[in-house]
Amino acid sequence: MTVKLTTTNGNEAVISIVGRFDFSTHGEFRHVLDALRANKYAKYTVDMGAVDDMDSAALGMLLLLRDTVGGDKSEVQLVRCRMEVREMLKMANFQDLFRIV
């Protein structure tokens, strides 16, 4: 599985992504979004430490995640991003929409 959802203490949802984050992961990501719609969490974390590469479809999925969990009212952070991934997020101005750690 490339996309996995876990929770910590019932307050935080952690989405872990492994490998290439692109349109091929869309189905798995949709399942995670469906699970997030069923439960509300105080904090959402996307662990991107094992993401090798990503494309514009991945950016769209991250935006969809943000909208699904509450948009501006939600706390979504992207953690452990590799330098190449961090640069792509920066070029898309995602630092204005997400907390990038």
Protein backbone atom coordinates (compact mmCIF):
# COMPACT_ATOMS: atom_id res chain seq x y z
CA MET A 1 0.00 0.00 0.00
CA THR A 2 1.31 3.42 -0.92
CA VAL A 3 -1.04 5.57 1.18
CA LYS A 4 -1.84 4.65 4.79
CA LEU A 5 -3.98 6.32 7.44
CA THR A 6 -3.27 5.95 11.16
CA THR A 7 -4.50 7.88 14.18
CA THR A 8 -2.77 8.87 17.38
CA ASN A 9 -4.76 9.29 20.59
CA GLY A 10 -7.87 9.88 18.48
CA ASN A 11 -6.85 13.52 18.01
CA GLU A 12 -4.46 13.32 15.08
CA ALA A 13 -4.77 11.65 11.70
CA VAL A 14 -1.46 10.71 10.09
CA ILE A 15 -1.34 9.97 6.38
CA SER A 16 1.86 8.22 5.29
CA ILE A 17 2.80 8.16 1.62
CA VAL A 18 5.50 5.89 0.20
CA GLY A 19 7.13 6.03 -3.25
CA ARG A 20 5.97 8.18 -6.12
CA PHE A 21 3.06 10.45 -5.18
CA ASP A 22 1.17 10.94 -8.44
CA PHE A 23 -2.12 10.15 -10.14
CA SER A 24 -1.55 6.41 -9.70
CA THR A 25 -2.11 6.88 -5.93
CA HIS A 26 -5.41 8.69 -6.48
CA GLY A 27 -7.58 5.66 -5.61
CA GLU A 28 -5.79 4.95 -2.34
CA PHE A 29 -5.82 8.64 -1.44
CA ARG A 30 -9.59 8.76 -2.08
CA HIS A 31 -10.11 5.92 0.42
CA VAL A 32 -8.19 7.91 3.02
CA LEU A 33 -10.32 10.99 2.31
CA ASP A 34 -13.48 8.91 2.74
CA ALA A 35 -12.23 7.73 6.14
CA LEU A 36 -11.41 11.31 7.15
CA ARG A 37 -14.93 12.45 6.23
CA ALA A 38 -16.30 9.89 8.69
CA ASN A 39 -14.21 11.20 11.63
CA LYS A 40 -13.02 14.64 12.67
CA TYR A 41 -9.56 15.14 14.12
CA ALA A 42 -7.89 18.15 15.73
CA LYS A 43 -4.75 17.79 13.61
CA TYR A 44 -3.83 16.26 10.27
CA THR A 45 -0.29 15.25 9.35
CA VAL A 46 0.96 14.04 5.98
CA ASP A 47 4.23 12.14 6.42
CA MET A 48 6.11 12.58 3.15
CA GLY A 49 9.46 11.22 4.33
CA ALA A 50 9.26 8.26 1.96
CA VAL A 51 7.98 10.20 -1.08
CA ASP A 52 10.52 9.86 -3.88
CA ASP A 53 8.85 12.21 -6.32
CA MET A 54 5.53 13.94 -6.86
CA ASP A 55 3.65 15.63 -9.68
CA SER A 56 0.88 18.18 -10.10
CA ALA A 57 -1.78 15.52 -9.43
CA ALA A 58 -0.26 15.09 -5.95
CA LEU A 59 -0.55 18.83 -5.36
CA GLY A 60 -4.21 18.60 -6.29
CA MET A 61 -4.75 15.70 -3.89
CA LEU A 62 -3.18 17.70 -1.07
CA LEU A 63 -5.54 20.59 -1.84
CA LEU A 64 -8.47 18.16 -1.84
CA LEU A 65 -7.33 16.85 1.55
CA ARG A 66 -7.21 20.38 2.91
CA ASP A 67 -10.72 21.13 1.64
CA THR A 68 -12.06 17.81 2.97
CA VAL A 69 -10.86 18.43 6.53
CA GLY A 70 -12.03 22.02 6.81
CA GLY A 71 -9.97 24.33 4.59
CA ASP A 72 -8.69 27.42 6.39
CA LYS A 73 -10.15 26.19 9.69
CA SER A 74 -8.08 23.00 9.69
CA GLU A 75 -4.54 22.31 10.79
CA VAL A 76 -2.75 20.28 8.11
CA GLN A 77 1.00 19.84 8.23
CA LEU A 78 3.36 18.23 5.74
CA VAL A 79 6.32 16.62 7.49
CA ARG A 80 9.70 15.09 6.59
CA CYS A 81 9.65 16.40 3.00
CA ARG A 82 12.78 15.72 0.97
CA MET A 83 14.48 18.73 -0.57
CA GLU A 84 13.08 18.09 -4.09
CA VAL A 85 9.55 17.72 -2.73
CA ARG A 86 9.95 20.80 -0.53
CA GLU A 87 11.07 22.84 -3.56
CA MET A 88 8.00 21.77 -5.54
CA LEU A 89 5.73 22.72 -2.64
CA LYS A 90 7.48 26.07 -2.37
CA MET A 91 7.09 26.77 -6.11
CA ALA A 92 3.34 26.11 -5.73
CA ASN A 93 3.20 28.45 -2.68
CA PHE A 94 1.92 25.63 -0.49
CA GLN A 95 3.63 27.19 2.52
CA ASP A 96 0.68 29.63 2.52
CA LEU A 97 -1.83 26.76 2.80
CA PHE A 98 -0.02 24.12 4.84
CA ARG A 99 2.45 24.05 7.68
CA ILE A 100 5.58 22.47 6.15
CA VAL A 101 7.86 20.97 8.80
